[in-house]
PDB file of N, CA and C in Angstrom:
ATOM      1  N   MET A   1       0.839  -1.170   0.000  1.00  0.00           N
ATOM      2  CA  MET A   1       0.000   0.000   0.000  1.00  0.00           C
ATOM      3  C   MET A   1       0.890   1.240   0.000  1.00  0.00           C
ATOM      4  N   LEU A   2       0.472   2.249  -0.711  1.00  0.00           N
ATOM      5  CA  LEU A   2       1.261   3.467  -0.857  1.00  0.00           C
ATOM      6  C   LEU A   2       0.503   4.632  -0.247  1.00  0.00           C
ATOM      7  N   TYR A   3       1.164   5.387   0.609  1.00  0.00           N
ATOM      8  CA  TYR A   3       0.564   6.540   1.258  1.00  0.00           C
ATOM      9  C   TYR A   3       1.272   7.807   0.818  1.00  0.00           C
ATOM     10  N   ILE A   4       0.521   8.892   0.778  1.00  0.00           N
ATOM     11  CA  ILE A   4       1.119  10.179   0.455  1.00  0.00           C
ATOM     12  C   ILE A   4       1.422  10.897   1.752  1.00  0.00           C
ATOM     13  N   CYS A   5       2.631  11.380   1.878  1.00  0.00           N
ATOM     14  CA  CYS A   5       3.063  12.089   3.077  1.00  0.00           C
ATOM     15  C   CYS A   5       3.226  13.559   2.740  1.00  0.00           C
ATOM     16  N   ASN A   6       2.564  14.393   3.501  1.00  0.00           N
ATOM     17  CA  ASN A   6       2.702  15.835   3.334  1.00  0.00           C
ATOM     18  C   ASN A   6       2.684  16.440   4.728  1.00  0.00           C
ATOM     19  N   LEU A   7       3.841  16.736   5.257  1.00  0.00           N
ATOM     20  CA  LEU A   7       3.960  17.260   6.614  1.00  0.00           C
ATOM     21  C   LEU A   7       3.968  18.771   6.623  1.00  0.00           C
ATOM     22  N   ASN A   8       3.413  19.343   7.668  1.00  0.00           N
ATOM     23  CA  ASN A   8       3.526  20.780   7.882  1.00  0.00           C
ATOM     24  C   ASN A   8       4.770  20.991   8.726  1.00  0.00           C
ATOM     25  N   LEU A   9       5.822  21.490   8.097  1.00  0.00           N
ATOM     26  CA  LEU A   9       7.101  21.634   8.788  1.00  0.00           C
ATOM     27  C   LEU A   9       7.353  23.058   9.263  1.00  0.00           C
ATOM     28  N   SER A  10       6.311  23.885   9.321  1.00  0.00           N
ATOM     29  CA  SER A  10       6.523  25.288   9.664  1.00  0.00           C
ATOM     30  C   SER A  10       7.162  25.456  11.039  1.00  0.00           C
ATOM     31  N   ASN A  11       6.766  24.661  12.019  1.00  0.00           N
ATOM     32  CA  ASN A  11       7.404  24.753  13.343  1.00  0.00           C
ATOM     33  C   ASN A  11       8.831  24.225  13.299  1.00  0.00           C
ATOM     34  N   THR A  12       9.026  23.158  12.568  1.00  0.00           N
ATOM     35  CA  THR A  12      10.346  22.560  12.454  1.00  0.00           C
ATOM     36  C   THR A  12      11.296  23.459  11.676  1.00  0.00           C
ATOM     37  N   MET A  13      10.769  24.167  10.685  1.00  0.00           N
ATOM     38  CA  MET A  13      11.621  24.982   9.818  1.00  0.00           C
ATOM     39  C   MET A  13      12.181  26.208  10.528  1.00  0.00           C
ATOM     40  N   SER A  14      11.695  26.520  11.719  1.00  0.00           N
ATOM     41  CA  SER A  14      12.268  27.655  12.436  1.00  0.00           C
ATOM     42  C   SER A  14      13.707  27.367  12.850  1.00  0.00           C
ATOM     43  N   THR A  15      14.051  26.100  12.893  1.00  0.00           N
ATOM     44  CA  THR A  15      15.425  25.695  13.152  1.00  0.00           C
ATOM     45  C   THR A  15      16.188  25.787  11.838  1.00  0.00           C
ATOM     46  N   THR A  16      17.470  26.075  11.901  1.00  0.00           N
ATOM     47  CA  THR A  16      18.284  26.130  10.696  1.00  0.00           C
ATOM     48  C   THR A  16      18.190  24.800   9.964  1.00  0.00           C
ATOM     49  N   PRO A  17      17.808  24.815   8.678  1.00  0.00           N
ATOM     50  CA  PRO A  17      17.601  23.571   7.943  1.00  0.00           C
ATOM     51  C   PRO A  17      18.806  22.646   7.914  1.00  0.00           C
ATOM     52  N   ASN A  18      20.008  23.168   8.056  1.00  0.00           N
ATOM     53  CA  ASN A  18      21.192  22.318   8.014  1.00  0.00           C
ATOM     54  C   ASN A  18      21.542  21.725   9.369  1.00  0.00           C
ATOM     55  N   SER A  19      20.836  22.117  10.423  1.00  0.00           N
ATOM     56  CA  SER A  19      21.202  21.635  11.750  1.00  0.00           C
ATOM     57  C   SER A  19      20.718  20.207  11.974  1.00  0.00           C
ATOM     58  N   GLU A  20      21.444  19.505  12.775  1.00  0.00           N
ATOM     59  CA  GLU A  20      21.097  18.121  13.088  1.00  0.00           C
ATOM     60  C   GLU A  20      19.774  18.049  13.850  1.00  0.00           C
ATOM     61  N   GLU A  21      19.491  19.050  14.657  1.00  0.00           N
ATOM     62  CA  GLU A  21      18.237  19.102  15.413  1.00  0.00           C
ATOM     63  C   GLU A  21      17.036  19.100  14.460  1.00  0.00           C
ATOM     64  N   PHE A  22      17.116  19.892  13.402  1.00  0.00           N
ATOM     65  CA  PHE A  22      16.053  19.936  12.398  1.00  0.00           C
ATOM     66  C   PHE A  22      15.795  18.553  11.826  1.00  0.00           C
ATOM     67  N   TYR A  23      16.857  17.864  11.427  1.00  0.00           N
ATOM     68  CA  TYR A  23      16.704  16.560  10.800  1.00  0.00           C
ATOM     69  C   TYR A  23      16.214  15.502  11.781  1.00  0.00           C
ATOM     70  N   LEU A  24      16.590  15.600  13.038  1.00  0.00           N
ATOM     71  CA  LEU A  24      16.086  14.661  14.047  1.00  0.00           C
ATOM     72  C   LEU A  24      14.582  14.841  14.244  1.00  0.00           C
ATOM     73  N   LYS A  25      14.117  16.091  14.294  1.00  0.00           N
ATOM     74  CA  LYS A  25      12.675  16.357  14.425  1.00  0.00           C
ATOM     75  C   LYS A  25      11.924  15.865  13.199  1.00  0.00           C
ATOM     76  N   LEU A  26      12.471  16.137  12.034  1.00  0.00           N
ATOM     77  CA  LEU A  26      11.837  15.707  10.797  1.00  0.00           C
ATOM     78  C   LEU A  26      11.735  14.187  10.748  1.00  0.00           C
ATOM     79  N   LYS A  27      12.814  13.501  11.073  1.00  0.00           N
ATOM     80  CA  LYS A  27      12.808  12.038  11.056  1.00  0.00           C
ATOM     81  C   LYS A  27      11.755  11.485  12.009  1.00  0.00           C
ATOM     82  N   SER A  28      11.664  12.063  13.186  1.00  0.00           N
ATOM     83  CA  SER A  28      10.681  11.626  14.170  1.00  0.00           C
ATOM     84  C   SER A  28       9.260  11.803  13.634  1.00  0.00           C
ATOM     85  N   GLN A  29       8.972  12.969  13.047  1.00  0.00           N
ATOM     86  CA  GLN A  29       7.645  13.228  12.485  1.00  0.00           C
ATOM     87  C   GLN A  29       7.334  12.262  11.345  1.00  0.00           C
ATOM     88  N   LEU A  30       8.286  12.062  10.472  1.00  0.00           N
ATOM     89  CA  LEU A  30       8.073  11.163   9.339  1.00  0.00           C
ATOM     90  C   LEU A  30       7.785   9.739   9.806  1.00  0.00           C
ATOM     91  N   GLU A  31       8.564   9.260  10.759  1.00  0.00           N
ATOM     92  CA  GLU A  31       8.388   7.889  11.227  1.00  0.00           C
ATOM     93  C   GLU A  31       7.088   7.712  12.009  1.00  0.00           C
ATOM     94  N   ASP A  32       6.643   8.767  12.690  1.00  0.00           N
ATOM     95  CA  ASP A  32       5.395   8.692  13.443  1.00  0.00           C
ATOM     96  C   ASP A  32       4.167   8.729  12.541  1.00  0.00           C
ATOM     97  N   LEU A  33       4.252   9.433  11.408  1.00  0.00           N
ATOM     98  CA  LEU A  33       3.070   9.704  10.596  1.00  0.00           C
ATOM     99  C   LEU A  33       3.021   8.999   9.249  1.00  0.00           C
ATOM    100  N   THR A  34       4.064   8.255   8.902  1.00  0.00           N
ATOM    101  CA  THR A  34       4.162   7.727   7.551  1.00  0.00           C
ATOM    102  C   THR A  34       4.411   6.232   7.545  1.00  0.00           C
ATOM    103  N   VAL A  35       3.750   5.554   6.611  1.00  0.00           N
ATOM    104  CA  VAL A  35       4.021   4.145   6.349  1.00  0.00           C
ATOM    105  C   VAL A  35       4.803   4.107   5.040  1.00  0.00           C
ATOM    106  N   PHE A  36       6.015   3.588   5.093  1.00  0.00           N
ATOM    107  CA  PHE A  36       6.879   3.554   3.913  1.00  0.00           C
ATOM    108  C   PHE A  36       6.777   2.219   3.210  1.00  0.00           C
ATOM    109  N   PRO A  37       6.958   2.228   1.877  1.00  0.00           N
ATOM    110  CA  PRO A  37       7.281   3.365   1.019  1.00  0.00           C
ATOM    111  C   PRO A  37       6.077   4.305   0.905  1.00  0.00           C
ATOM    112  N   ALA A  38       6.367   5.570   0.642  1.00  0.00           N
ATOM    113  CA  ALA A  38       5.311   6.578   0.566  1.00  0.00           C
ATOM    114  C   ALA A  38       5.666   7.650  -0.452  1.00  0.00           C
ATOM    115  N   LEU A  39       4.621   8.250  -1.026  1.00  0.00           N
ATOM    116  CA  LEU A  39       4.848   9.414  -1.878  1.00  0.00           C
ATOM    117  C   LEU A  39       5.135  10.589  -0.962  1.00  0.00           C
ATOM    118  N   TYR A  40       6.173  11.341  -1.282  1.00  0.00           N
ATOM    119  CA  TYR A  40       6.544  12.500  -0.479  1.00  0.00           C
ATOM    120  C   TYR A  40       6.586  13.718  -1.388  1.00  0.00           C
ATOM    121  N   LEU A  41       6.059  14.824  -0.904  1.00  0.00           N
ATOM    122  CA  LEU A  41       6.024  16.050  -1.678  1.00  0.00           C
ATOM    123  C   LEU A  41       7.073  17.019  -1.153  1.00  0.00           C
ATOM    124  N   TYR A  42       8.098  17.238  -1.954  1.00  0.00           N
ATOM    125  CA  TYR A  42       9.117  18.242  -1.646  1.00  0.00           C
ATOM    126  C   TYR A  42       8.684  19.547  -2.289  1.00  0.00           C
ATOM    127  N   LYS A  43       8.912  20.661  -1.580  1.00  0.00           N
ATOM    128  CA  LYS A  43       8.628  21.982  -2.150  1.00  0.00           C
ATOM    129  C   LYS A  43       9.827  22.883  -1.908  1.00  0.00           C
ATOM    130  N   PHE A  44      10.258  23.536  -2.976  1.00  0.00           N
ATOM    131  CA  PHE A  44      11.413  24.419  -2.903  1.00  0.00           C
ATOM    132  C   PHE A  44      11.118  25.713  -3.643  1.00  0.00           C
ATOM    133  N   ILE A  45      11.828  26.758  -3.278  1.00  0.00           N
ATOM    134  CA  ILE A  45      11.828  28.008  -4.023  1.00  0.00           C
ATOM    135  C   ILE A  45      13.276  28.298  -4.372  1.00  0.00           C
ATOM    136  N   VAL A  46      13.514  28.587  -5.649  1.00  0.00           N
ATOM    137  CA  VAL A  46      14.869  28.892  -6.107  1.00  0.00           C
ATOM    138  C   VAL A  46      14.869  30.203  -6.875  1.00  0.00           C
ATOM    139  N   PRO A  47      15.990  30.930  -6.824  1.00  0.00           N
ATOM    140  CA  PRO A  47      16.093  32.148  -7.638  1.00  0.00           C
ATOM    141  C   PRO A  47      16.017  31.768  -9.117  1.00  0.00           C
ATOM    142  N   THR A  48      15.249  32.524  -9.884  1.00  0.00           N
ATOM    143  CA  THR A  48      15.121  32.263 -11.314  1.00  0.00           C
ATOM    144  C   THR A  48      16.333  32.843 -12.033  1.00  0.00           C
ATOM    145  N   LYS A  49      16.963  32.027 -12.824  1.00  0.00           N
ATOM    146  CA  LYS A  49      18.076  32.448 -13.674  1.00  0.00           C
ATOM    147  C   LYS A  49      17.610  32.394 -15.117  1.00  0.00           C
ATOM    148  N   GLU A  50      18.280  33.133 -15.974  1.00  0.00           N
ATOM    149  CA  GLU A  50      17.913  33.180 -17.386  1.00  0.00           C
ATOM    150  C   GLU A  50      17.882  31.793 -18.024  1.00  0.00           C
ATOM    151  N   ASP A  51      18.841  30.969 -17.669  1.00  0.00           N
ATOM    152  CA  ASP A  51      18.933  29.640 -18.273  1.00  0.00           C
ATOM    153  C   ASP A  51      18.355  28.534 -17.377  1.00  0.00           C
ATOM    154  N   ASP A  52      17.676  28.914 -16.299  1.00  0.00           N
ATOM    155  CA  ASP A  52      17.043  27.972 -15.369  1.00  0.00           C
ATOM    156  C   ASP A  52      18.031  26.985 -14.743  1.00  0.00           C
ATOM    157  N   THR A  53      19.279  27.399 -14.557  1.00  0.00           N
ATOM    158  CA  THR A  53      20.278  26.482 -13.994  1.00  0.00           C
ATOM    159  C   THR A  53      19.921  26.026 -12.591  1.00  0.00           C
ATOM    160  N   LYS A  54      19.345  26.909 -11.785  1.00  0.00           N
ATOM    161  CA  LYS A  54      18.992  26.526 -10.405  1.00  0.00           C
ATOM    162  C   LYS A  54      17.870  25.493 -10.391  1.00  0.00           C
ATOM    163  N   VAL A  55      16.874  25.684 -11.251  1.00  0.00           N
ATOM    164  CA  VAL A  55      15.774  24.721 -11.345  1.00  0.00           C
ATOM    165  C   VAL A  55      16.315  23.379 -11.802  1.00  0.00           C
ATOM    166  N   LEU A  56      17.176  23.385 -12.808  1.00  0.00           N
ATOM    167  CA  LEU A  56      17.769  22.137 -13.298  1.00  0.00           C
ATOM    168  C   LEU A  56      18.632  21.463 -12.242  1.00  0.00           C
ATOM    169  N   GLU A  57      19.333  22.276 -11.472  1.00  0.00           N
ATOM    170  CA  GLU A  57      20.167  21.721 -10.405  1.00  0.00           C
ATOM    171  C   GLU A  57      19.315  20.958  -9.390  1.00  0.00           C
ATOM    172  N   VAL A  58      18.141  21.504  -9.069  1.00  0.00           N
ATOM    173  CA  VAL A  58      17.224  20.833  -8.140  1.00  0.00           C
ATOM    174  C   VAL A  58      16.634  19.585  -8.780  1.00  0.00           C
ATOM    175  N   THR A  59      16.069  19.731  -9.965  1.00  0.00           N
ATOM    176  CA  THR A  59      15.381  18.597 -10.586  1.00  0.00           C
ATOM    177  C   THR A  59      16.334  17.454 -10.930  1.00  0.00           C
ATOM    178  N   ASN A  60      17.584  17.771 -11.249  1.00  0.00           N
ATOM    179  CA  ASN A  60      18.562  16.720 -11.542  1.00  0.00           C
ATOM    180  C   ASN A  60      18.841  15.828 -10.345  1.00  0.00           C
ATOM    181  N   LYS A  61      18.636  16.345  -9.144  1.00  0.00           N
ATOM    182  CA  LYS A  61      18.839  15.532  -7.936  1.00  0.00           C
ATOM    183  C   LYS A  61      17.793  14.420  -7.822  1.00  0.00           C
ATOM    184  N   PHE A  62      16.726  14.517  -8.627  1.00  0.00           N
ATOM    185  CA  PHE A  62      15.653  13.522  -8.578  1.00  0.00           C
ATOM    186  C   PHE A  62      15.596  12.678  -9.850  1.00  0.00           C
ATOM    187  N   ASP A  63      16.649  12.760 -10.681  1.00  0.00           N
ATOM    188  CA  ASP A  63      16.719  11.943 -11.893  1.00  0.00           C
ATOM    189  C   ASP A  63      16.615  10.465 -11.532  1.00  0.00           C
ATOM    190  N   ASN A  64      15.953   9.727 -12.390  1.00  0.00           N
ATOM    191  CA  ASN A  64      15.825   8.267 -12.270  1.00  0.00           C
ATOM    192  C   ASN A  64      15.078   7.807 -11.023  1.00  0.00           C
ATOM    193  N   LEU A  65      14.280   8.687 -10.410  1.00  0.00           N
ATOM    194  CA  LEU A  65      13.479   8.296  -9.246  1.00  0.00           C
ATOM    195  C   LEU A  65      11.989   8.245  -9.584  1.00  0.00           C
ATOM    196  N   GLY A  66      11.634   8.546 -10.817  1.00  0.00           N
ATOM    197  CA  GLY A  66      10.235   8.536 -11.216  1.00  0.00           C
ATOM    198  C   GLY A  66       9.438   9.679 -10.607  1.00  0.00           C
ATOM    199  N   ALA A  67      10.090  10.790 -10.360  1.00  0.00           N
ATOM    200  CA  ALA A  67       9.448  11.930  -9.712  1.00  0.00           C
ATOM    201  C   ALA A  67       8.553  12.695 -10.672  1.00  0.00           C
ATOM    202  N   ALA A  68       7.436  13.193 -10.123  1.00  0.00           N
ATOM    203  CA  ALA A  68       6.570  14.123 -10.855  1.00  0.00           C
ATOM    204  C   ALA A  68       6.988  15.524 -10.429  1.00  0.00           C
ATOM    205  N   ILE A  69       7.441  16.329 -11.379  1.00  0.00           N
ATOM    206  CA  ILE A  69       8.013  17.640 -11.068  1.00  0.00           C
ATOM    207  C   ILE A  69       7.176  18.736 -11.708  1.00  0.00           C
ATOM    208  N   LYS A  70       6.811  19.739 -10.899  1.00  0.00           N
ATOM    209  CA  LYS A  70       6.073  20.902 -11.388  1.00  0.00           C
ATOM    210  C   LYS A  70       6.841  22.154 -11.007  1.00  0.00           C
ATOM    211  N   THR A  71       6.906  23.094 -11.920  1.00  0.00           N
ATOM    212  CA  THR A  71       7.564  24.365 -11.641  1.00  0.00           C
ATOM    213  C   THR A  71       6.618  25.507 -11.979  1.00  0.00           C
ATOM    214  N   LYS A  72       6.791  26.609 -11.267  1.00  0.00           N
ATOM    215  CA  LYS A  72       5.987  27.800 -11.537  1.00  0.00           C
ATOM    216  C   LYS A  72       6.792  29.032 -11.172  1.00  0.00           C
ATOM    217  N   LYS A  73       6.928  29.946 -12.126  1.00  0.00           N
ATOM    218  CA  LYS A  73       7.658  31.185 -11.872  1.00  0.00           C
ATOM    219  C   LYS A  73       6.771  32.152 -11.103  1.00  0.00           C
ATOM    220  N   SER A  74       7.413  32.944 -10.244  1.00  0.00           N
ATOM    221  CA  SER A  74       6.680  33.943  -9.477  1.00  0.00           C
ATOM    222  C   SER A  74       6.161  35.031 -10.405  1.00  0.00           C
ATOM    223  N   LYS A  75       5.252  35.817  -9.894  1.00  0.00           N
ATOM    224  CA  LYS A  75       4.617  36.885 -10.674  1.00  0.00           C
ATOM    225  C   LYS A  75       5.652  37.825 -11.310  1.00  0.00           C
ATOM    226  N   ASN A  76       6.666  38.182 -10.514  1.00  0.00           N
ATOM    227  CA  ASN A  76       7.685  39.103 -11.031  1.00  0.00           C
ATOM    228  C   ASN A  76       8.864  38.381 -11.694  1.00  0.00           C
ATOM    229  N   GLY A  77       8.854  37.055 -11.667  1.00  0.00           N
ATOM    230  CA  GLY A  77       9.874  36.278 -12.356  1.00  0.00           C
ATOM    231  C   GLY A  77      11.195  36.112 -11.618  1.00  0.00           C
ATOM    232  N   LYS A  78      11.274  36.603 -10.380  1.00  0.00           N
ATOM    233  CA  LYS A  78      12.531  36.497  -9.629  1.00  0.00           C
ATOM    234  C   LYS A  78      12.758  35.094  -9.058  1.00  0.00           C
ATOM    235  N   TYR A  79      11.668  34.387  -8.784  1.00  0.00           N
ATOM    236  CA  TYR A  79      11.777  33.072  -8.147  1.00  0.00           C
ATOM    237  C   TYR A  79      10.954  32.042  -8.907  1.00  0.00           C
ATOM    238  N   THR A  80      11.344  30.792  -8.732  1.00  0.00           N
ATOM    239  CA  THR A  80      10.601  29.668  -9.297  1.00  0.00           C
ATOM    240  C   THR A  80      10.310  28.687  -8.179  1.00  0.00           C
ATOM    241  N   SER A  81       9.047  28.285  -8.068  1.00  0.00           N
ATOM    242  CA  SER A  81       8.709  27.238  -7.103  1.00  0.00           C
ATOM    243  C   SER A  81       8.843  25.897  -7.806  1.00  0.00           C
ATOM    244  N   VAL A  82       9.368  24.938  -7.073  1.00  0.00           N
ATOM    245  CA  VAL A  82       9.565  23.591  -7.603  1.00  0.00           C
ATOM    246  C   VAL A  82       8.898  22.620  -6.646  1.00  0.00           C
ATOM    247  N   SER A  83       7.901  21.893  -7.138  1.00  0.00           N
ATOM    248  CA  SER A  83       7.216  20.857  -6.352  1.00  0.00           C
ATOM    249  C   SER A  83       7.579  19.508  -6.957  1.00  0.00           C
ATOM    250  N   ILE A  84       8.019  18.613  -6.092  1.00  0.00           N
ATOM    251  CA  ILE A  84       8.475  17.306  -6.566  1.00  0.00           C
ATOM    252  C   ILE A  84       7.807  16.231  -5.727  1.00  0.00           C
ATOM    253  N   GLU A  85       7.013  15.397  -6.390  1.00  0.00           N
ATOM    254  CA  GLU A  85       6.368  14.279  -5.714  1.00  0.00           C
ATOM    255  C   GLU A  85       7.070  13.004  -6.147  1.00  0.00           C
ATOM    256  N   VAL A  86       7.558  12.270  -5.157  1.00  0.00           N
ATOM    257  CA  VAL A  86       8.370  11.098  -5.472  1.00  0.00           C
ATOM    258  C   VAL A  86       8.162  10.024  -4.404  1.00  0.00           C
ATOM    259  N   LYS A  87       8.208   8.775  -4.815  1.00  0.00           N
ATOM    260  CA  LYS A  87       8.081   7.650  -3.895  1.00  0.00           C
ATOM    261  C   LYS A  87       9.409   7.470  -3.160  1.00  0.00           C
ATOM    262  N   MET A  88       9.350   7.542  -1.841  1.00  0.00           N
ATOM    263  CA  MET A  88      10.562   7.401  -1.026  1.00  0.00           C
ATOM    264  C   MET A  88      10.440   6.154  -0.149  1.00  0.00           C
ATOM    265  N   LYS A  89      11.572   5.511   0.081  1.00  0.00           N
ATOM    266  CA  LYS A  89      11.591   4.238   0.809  1.00  0.00           C
ATOM    267  C   LYS A  89      11.589   4.388   2.323  1.00  0.00           C
ATOM    268  N   SER A  90      12.108   5.531   2.820  1.00  0.00           N
ATOM    269  CA  SER A  90      12.241   5.682   4.270  1.00  0.00           C
ATOM    270  C   SER A  90      12.411   7.145   4.646  1.00  0.00           C
ATOM    271  N   ALA A  91      12.293   7.411   5.939  1.00  0.00           N
ATOM    272  CA  ALA A  91      12.536   8.759   6.454  1.00  0.00           C
ATOM    273  C   ALA A  91      13.984   9.160   6.177  1.00  0.00           C
ATOM    274  N   ASP A  92      14.897   8.220   6.330  1.00  0.00           N
ATOM    275  CA  ASP A  92      16.310   8.516   6.075  1.00  0.00           C
ATOM    276  C   ASP A  92      16.546   8.920   4.619  1.00  0.00           C
ATOM    277  N   ALA A  93      15.843   8.282   3.689  1.00  0.00           N
ATOM    278  CA  ALA A  93      15.987   8.619   2.274  1.00  0.00           C
ATOM    279  C   ALA A  93      15.473  10.029   2.001  1.00  0.00           C
ATOM    280  N   ILE A  94      14.379  10.419   2.651  1.00  0.00           N
ATOM    281  CA  ILE A  94      13.834  11.771   2.503  1.00  0.00           C
ATOM    282  C   ILE A  94      14.825  12.799   3.023  1.00  0.00           C
ATOM    283  N   ILE A  95      15.373  12.536   4.182  1.00  0.00           N
ATOM    284  CA  ILE A  95      16.324  13.467   4.803  1.00  0.00           C
ATOM    285  C   ILE A  95      17.607  13.565   3.979  1.00  0.00           C
ATOM    286  N   GLU A  96      18.074  12.454   3.466  1.00  0.00           N
ATOM    287  CA  GLU A  96      19.285  12.465   2.638  1.00  0.00           C
ATOM    288  C   GLU A  96      19.090  13.359   1.413  1.00  0.00           C
ATOM    289  N   LYS A  97      17.896  13.289   0.822  1.00  0.00           N
ATOM    290  CA  LYS A  97      17.609  14.121  -0.350  1.00  0.00           C
ATOM    291  C   LYS A  97      17.579  15.596   0.053  1.00  0.00           C
ATOM    292  N   TYR A  98      16.992  15.934   1.211  1.00  0.00           N
ATOM    293  CA  TYR A  98      17.026  17.320   1.686  1.00  0.00           C
ATOM    294  C   TYR A  98      18.467  17.798   1.859  1.00  0.00           C
ATOM    295  N   LYS A  99      19.315  16.953   2.409  1.00  0.00           N
ATOM    296  CA  LYS A  99      20.715  17.328   2.612  1.00  0.00           C
ATOM    297  C   LYS A  99      21.430  17.570   1.286  1.00  0.00           C
ATOM    298  N   GLU A 100      21.104  16.786   0.272  1.00  0.00           N
ATOM    299  CA  GLU A 100      21.689  16.998  -1.061  1.00  0.00           C
ATOM    300  C   GLU A 100      21.255  18.346  -1.637  1.00  0.00           C
ATOM    301  N   ILE A 101      20.007  18.688  -1.420  1.00  0.00           N
ATOM    302  CA  ILE A 101      19.424  19.899  -1.998  1.00  0.00           C
ATOM    303  C   ILE A 101      19.880  21.173  -1.282  1.00  0.00           C
ATOM    304  N   THR A 102      20.066  21.120   0.017  1.00  0.00           N
ATOM    305  CA  THR A 102      20.373  22.346   0.777  1.00  0.00           C
ATOM    306  C   THR A 102      21.723  22.958   0.426  1.00  0.00           C
ATOM    307  N   VAL A 103      22.561  22.251  -0.288  1.00  0.00           N
ATOM    308  CA  VAL A 103      23.845  22.811  -0.702  1.00  0.00           C
ATOM    309  C   VAL A 103      23.709  23.740  -1.905  1.00  0.00           C
ATOM    310  N   ILE A 104      22.530  23.734  -2.539  1.00  0.00           N
ATOM    311  CA  ILE A 104      22.305  24.603  -3.702  1.00  0.00           C
ATOM    312  C   ILE A 104      22.116  26.036  -3.216  1.00  0.00           C
ATOM    313  N   GLU A 105      22.921  26.932  -3.766  1.00  0.00           N
ATOM    314  CA  GLU A 105      22.911  28.323  -3.341  1.00  0.00           C
ATOM    315  C   GLU A 105      21.563  28.989  -3.613  1.00  0.00           C
ATOM    316  N   GLY A 106      21.007  29.641  -2.593  1.00  0.00           N
ATOM    317  CA  GLY A 106      19.784  30.414  -2.729  1.00  0.00           C
ATOM    318  C   GLY A 106      18.493  29.632  -2.589  1.00  0.00           C
ATOM    319  N   ILE A 107      18.577  28.320  -2.376  1.00  0.00           N
ATOM    320  CA  ILE A 107      17.369  27.510  -2.302  1.00  0.00           C
ATOM    321  C   ILE A 107      16.666  27.688  -0.952  1.00  0.00           C
ATOM    322  N   ILE A 108      15.344  27.644  -0.993  1.00  0.00           N
ATOM    323  CA  ILE A 108      14.535  27.684   0.224  1.00  0.00           C
ATOM    324  C   ILE A 108      13.684  26.419   0.223  1.00  0.00           C
ATOM    325  N   SER A 109      13.765  25.643   1.301  1.00  0.00           N
ATOM    326  CA  SER A 109      12.939  24.444   1.448  1.00  0.00           C
ATOM    327  C   SER A 109      11.680  24.806   2.210  1.00  0.00           C
ATOM    328  N   LEU A 110      10.550  24.366   1.716  1.00  0.00           N
ATOM    329  CA  LEU A 110       9.286  24.639   2.394  1.00  0.00           C
ATOM    330  C   LEU A 110       8.776  23.380   3.068  1.00  0.00           C
TER     331      LEU A 110
END
């Protein structure tokens, strides 16, 4: 059976996303609320570049995972939202992907 996981991380996100405390809270929430494997919805905001390099940098991290990816430019064109729905095997796999993504300059994880 496959479940869709969509957590409200607004309280958790007040912690620096790169801190170990953030990831421990996230892992706890994921394991308490999710039956794996599960569809997980990642949401990011990236600065819009002329050649969309930042968007490609994010989406390339999900190559070969069968992810459904949607992008939308902001009204003024400065930012692009990236929503990625992908089947993940575990809380650790979700967190590992967040860690890969947070190294991208200017990215905001929602």
